[in-house]
Every structure is written in C-alpha cells, then in structure tokens.
C-alpha cells in the first residue's frame, strides 16, 4: 500500500490508516486497532507536516492536495 508524506498539518475524521506503533500510541484515544498496525479512526486525529502515513486505497481529492505519495526506493520495501 502506498505511503504518503503529510505536506501540511491535517485532521482526519474517519477511515482506516496503517501506522507505526509510535504513531498509534500517541493517538490511541482516537483509534481502534483492527489488526496489527491497521487502525480505524474513531475520533478526529491529527498529523503534522513531515509525518509518513499509509492510507489503504486512494486518498480523496481534498486529502490528496495535502499529502505526497512516497516513491519506492530501489531495493526498498516495507514488507506489506
């Protein structure tokens, strides 16, 4: 699944995300874990500029203007 870098501070109000343990821990009150590393947003959650998040599927138009898709490095991969 594609990773995205947050270009400006954003607030997300719903949907699913794949986050690191540190990202999820800091926002535990806003998320419900669906399975390891995958979370449903249950209350508004914020991300700061420069953070990297994984969005299953394609972001909507409004969100797509606030994030940049991270291109895969040669030989890289995130094991998903």
N, C-alpha and C. Protein backbone atom coordinates (compact mmCIF):
# COMPACT_ATOMS: atom_id res chain seq x y z
N UNK A 1 0.84 -1.18 0.00
CA UNK A 1 0.00 0.00 0.00
C UNK A 1 0.88 1.24 0.00
N UNK A 2 0.42 2.28 -0.65
CA UNK A 2 1.26 3.48 -0.78
C UNK A 2 1.41 4.26 0.52
N UNK A 3 2.62 4.76 0.71
CA UNK A 3 2.91 5.65 1.83
C UNK A 3 2.78 7.08 1.34
N UNK A 4 2.38 7.96 2.25
CA UNK A 4 2.24 9.37 1.92
C UNK A 4 2.93 10.21 2.98
N UNK A 5 3.59 11.27 2.54
CA UNK A 5 4.17 12.26 3.44
C UNK A 5 3.17 13.39 3.58
N UNK A 6 2.91 13.78 4.82
CA UNK A 6 1.97 14.87 5.09
C UNK A 6 2.67 16.20 4.76
N UNK A 7 2.07 16.99 3.86
CA UNK A 7 2.65 18.25 3.40
C UNK A 7 2.28 19.45 4.28
N UNK A 8 1.17 19.33 4.99
CA UNK A 8 0.73 20.37 5.91
C UNK A 8 -0.07 19.68 7.01
N UNK A 9 -0.16 20.30 8.17
CA UNK A 9 -0.90 19.68 9.27
C UNK A 9 -2.31 19.34 8.80
N UNK A 10 -2.75 18.12 9.14
CA UNK A 10 -4.07 17.66 8.71
C UNK A 10 -4.82 17.06 9.88
N UNK A 11 -6.14 17.08 9.77
CA UNK A 11 -7.02 16.39 10.70
C UNK A 11 -7.87 15.43 9.87
N UNK A 12 -7.88 14.17 10.26
CA UNK A 12 -8.69 13.16 9.57
C UNK A 12 -9.85 12.78 10.49
N UNK A 13 -11.04 12.63 9.93
CA UNK A 13 -12.23 12.40 10.71
C UNK A 13 -12.78 10.98 10.60
N UNK A 14 -12.25 10.18 9.69
CA UNK A 14 -12.74 8.83 9.53
C UNK A 14 -11.87 8.06 8.57
N UNK A 15 -12.11 6.76 8.49
CA UNK A 15 -11.37 5.91 7.58
C UNK A 15 -10.37 5.03 8.31
N UNK A 16 -9.53 4.39 7.52
CA UNK A 16 -8.52 3.48 8.06
C UNK A 16 -7.13 3.97 7.69
N UNK A 17 -6.17 3.66 8.56
CA UNK A 17 -4.78 4.02 8.36
C UNK A 17 -3.90 2.87 8.81
N UNK A 18 -2.71 2.82 8.26
CA UNK A 18 -1.68 1.91 8.75
C UNK A 18 -0.60 2.81 9.33
N UNK A 19 -0.32 2.61 10.62
CA UNK A 19 0.59 3.49 11.35
C UNK A 19 1.66 2.69 12.07
N UNK A 20 2.74 3.37 12.41
CA UNK A 20 3.76 2.74 13.25
C UNK A 20 3.22 2.66 14.68
N UNK A 21 3.85 1.85 15.48
CA UNK A 21 3.43 1.72 16.88
C UNK A 21 3.52 3.06 17.60
N UNK A 22 4.57 3.83 17.33
CA UNK A 22 4.73 5.14 17.97
C UNK A 22 3.62 6.10 17.55
N UNK A 23 3.28 6.12 16.26
CA UNK A 23 2.21 7.00 15.79
C UNK A 23 0.88 6.61 16.45
N UNK A 24 0.59 5.33 16.50
CA UNK A 24 -0.67 4.87 17.07
C UNK A 24 -0.73 5.13 18.58
N UNK A 25 0.37 4.91 19.27
CA UNK A 25 0.41 5.11 20.72
C UNK A 25 0.07 6.55 21.08
N UNK A 26 0.62 7.49 20.33
CA UNK A 26 0.38 8.91 20.61
C UNK A 26 -1.07 9.31 20.33
N UNK A 27 -1.79 8.50 19.57
CA UNK A 27 -3.17 8.82 19.18
C UNK A 27 -4.15 7.73 19.59
N UNK A 28 -3.79 6.94 20.59
CA UNK A 28 -4.58 5.77 20.98
C UNK A 28 -6.03 6.11 21.29
N UNK A 29 -6.29 7.28 21.85
CA UNK A 29 -7.66 7.68 22.20
C UNK A 29 -8.52 7.98 20.97
N UNK A 30 -7.91 8.10 19.80
CA UNK A 30 -8.62 8.43 18.56
C UNK A 30 -8.77 7.24 17.62
N UNK A 31 -8.15 6.12 17.97
CA UNK A 31 -8.06 4.98 17.06
C UNK A 31 -8.57 3.69 17.69
N UNK A 32 -9.05 2.81 16.83
CA UNK A 32 -9.39 1.45 17.24
C UNK A 32 -8.58 0.51 16.37
N UNK A 33 -7.80 -0.36 16.99
CA UNK A 33 -6.97 -1.28 16.22
C UNK A 33 -7.84 -2.36 15.60
N UNK A 34 -7.70 -2.54 14.30
CA UNK A 34 -8.43 -3.57 13.57
C UNK A 34 -7.61 -4.85 13.51
N UNK A 35 -6.34 -4.70 13.22
CA UNK A 35 -5.36 -5.77 13.29
C UNK A 35 -4.02 -5.10 13.45
N UNK A 36 -2.97 -5.85 13.68
CA UNK A 36 -1.68 -5.26 13.99
C UNK A 36 -1.27 -4.20 12.97
N UNK A 37 -1.12 -2.97 13.44
CA UNK A 37 -0.68 -1.88 12.59
C UNK A 37 -1.76 -1.17 11.78
N UNK A 38 -2.96 -1.72 11.76
CA UNK A 38 -4.06 -1.12 10.98
C UNK A 38 -5.13 -0.62 11.94
N UNK A 39 -5.55 0.64 11.74
CA UNK A 39 -6.44 1.30 12.68
C UNK A 39 -7.60 1.98 11.98
N UNK A 40 -8.73 2.01 12.69
CA UNK A 40 -9.88 2.78 12.25
C UNK A 40 -9.93 4.05 13.08
N UNK A 41 -10.19 5.17 12.42
CA UNK A 41 -10.30 6.45 13.12
C UNK A 41 -11.67 6.52 13.78
N UNK A 42 -11.70 6.69 15.11
CA UNK A 42 -12.98 6.77 15.83
C UNK A 42 -13.29 8.18 16.32
N UNK A 43 -12.30 9.04 16.35
CA UNK A 43 -12.49 10.46 16.63
C UNK A 43 -11.39 11.21 15.88
N UNK A 44 -11.58 12.50 15.63
CA UNK A 44 -10.62 13.23 14.80
C UNK A 44 -9.17 13.03 15.26
N UNK A 45 -8.31 12.78 14.29
CA UNK A 45 -6.90 12.52 14.56
C UNK A 45 -6.05 13.45 13.70
N UNK A 46 -4.98 13.98 14.29
CA UNK A 46 -4.15 14.95 13.59
C UNK A 46 -2.77 14.39 13.29
N UNK A 47 -2.21 14.87 12.18
CA UNK A 47 -0.86 14.52 11.78
C UNK A 47 -0.14 15.80 11.40
N UNK A 48 1.13 15.88 11.78
CA UNK A 48 1.92 17.07 11.50
C UNK A 48 2.66 16.94 10.18
N UNK A 49 3.01 18.09 9.63
CA UNK A 49 3.79 18.14 8.40
C UNK A 49 5.04 17.29 8.55
N UNK A 50 5.33 16.47 7.55
CA UNK A 50 6.51 15.63 7.55
C UNK A 50 6.28 14.21 8.00
N UNK A 51 5.16 13.93 8.66
CA UNK A 51 4.89 12.56 9.07
C UNK A 51 4.56 11.70 7.85
N UNK A 52 4.84 10.42 7.97
CA UNK A 52 4.54 9.47 6.89
C UNK A 52 3.45 8.53 7.39
N UNK A 53 2.39 8.42 6.59
CA UNK A 53 1.27 7.54 6.92
C UNK A 53 0.97 6.65 5.72
N UNK A 54 0.31 5.54 5.98
CA UNK A 54 -0.12 4.65 4.90
C UNK A 54 -1.64 4.71 4.86
N UNK A 55 -2.17 5.02 3.69
CA UNK A 55 -3.61 5.13 3.50
C UNK A 55 -4.05 4.00 2.59
N UNK A 56 -4.83 3.04 3.10
CA UNK A 56 -5.35 2.00 2.21
C UNK A 56 -6.25 2.63 1.15
N UNK A 57 -6.07 2.25 -0.09
CA UNK A 57 -6.85 2.84 -1.17
C UNK A 57 -6.28 4.20 -1.55
N UNK A 58 -7.04 4.96 -2.30
CA UNK A 58 -6.61 6.29 -2.75
C UNK A 58 -7.21 7.35 -1.83
N UNK A 59 -6.43 8.37 -1.50
CA UNK A 59 -7.00 9.46 -0.70
C UNK A 59 -8.00 10.26 -1.54
N UNK A 60 -8.99 10.87 -0.88
CA UNK A 60 -9.94 11.70 -1.61
C UNK A 60 -9.24 12.96 -2.11
N UNK A 61 -9.91 13.74 -2.95
CA UNK A 61 -9.28 14.90 -3.57
C UNK A 61 -8.76 15.90 -2.56
N UNK A 62 -9.53 16.18 -1.52
CA UNK A 62 -9.11 17.16 -0.52
C UNK A 62 -7.84 16.70 0.19
N UNK A 63 -7.79 15.43 0.58
CA UNK A 63 -6.61 14.90 1.26
C UNK A 63 -5.43 14.79 0.30
N UNK A 64 -5.69 14.43 -0.93
CA UNK A 64 -4.61 14.27 -1.91
C UNK A 64 -3.84 15.57 -2.13
N UNK A 65 -4.48 16.72 -1.89
CA UNK A 65 -3.81 18.00 -2.02
C UNK A 65 -2.91 18.32 -0.83
N UNK A 66 -3.03 17.52 0.24
CA UNK A 66 -2.27 17.80 1.46
C UNK A 66 -1.20 16.75 1.77
N UNK A 67 -1.10 15.76 0.90
CA UNK A 67 -0.10 14.70 1.08
C UNK A 67 0.62 14.44 -0.24
N UNK A 68 1.82 13.85 -0.16
CA UNK A 68 2.59 13.48 -1.34
C UNK A 68 2.93 12.01 -1.25
N UNK A 69 2.67 11.29 -2.33
CA UNK A 69 2.98 9.86 -2.36
C UNK A 69 4.49 9.67 -2.31
N UNK A 70 4.92 8.75 -1.44
CA UNK A 70 6.35 8.44 -1.31
C UNK A 70 6.69 7.41 -2.37
N UNK A 71 7.66 7.73 -3.19
CA UNK A 71 8.09 6.80 -4.23
C UNK A 71 8.95 5.72 -3.61
N UNK A 72 8.81 4.49 -4.10
CA UNK A 72 9.60 3.37 -3.59
C UNK A 72 11.05 3.54 -3.98
N UNK A 73 11.94 3.24 -3.04
CA UNK A 73 13.38 3.25 -3.33
C UNK A 73 13.75 1.95 -4.00
N UNK A 74 14.79 1.96 -4.80
CA UNK A 74 15.30 0.73 -5.41
C UNK A 74 15.77 -0.20 -4.30
N UNK A 75 15.24 -1.40 -4.28
CA UNK A 75 15.62 -2.36 -3.26
C UNK A 75 14.91 -2.15 -1.94
N UNK A 76 14.07 -1.13 -1.88
CA UNK A 76 13.35 -0.84 -0.64
C UNK A 76 12.10 -1.67 -0.55
N UNK A 77 11.28 -1.35 0.38
CA UNK A 77 10.04 -2.07 0.59
C UNK A 77 9.70 -2.03 2.04
N UNK A 78 8.41 -2.12 2.32
CA UNK A 78 8.00 -2.05 3.72
C UNK A 78 7.40 -3.35 4.21
N UNK A 79 7.49 -4.40 3.43
CA UNK A 79 7.03 -5.72 3.87
C UNK A 79 5.54 -5.89 3.93
N UNK A 80 4.78 -4.98 3.33
CA UNK A 80 3.33 -5.11 3.39
C UNK A 80 2.81 -5.86 2.20
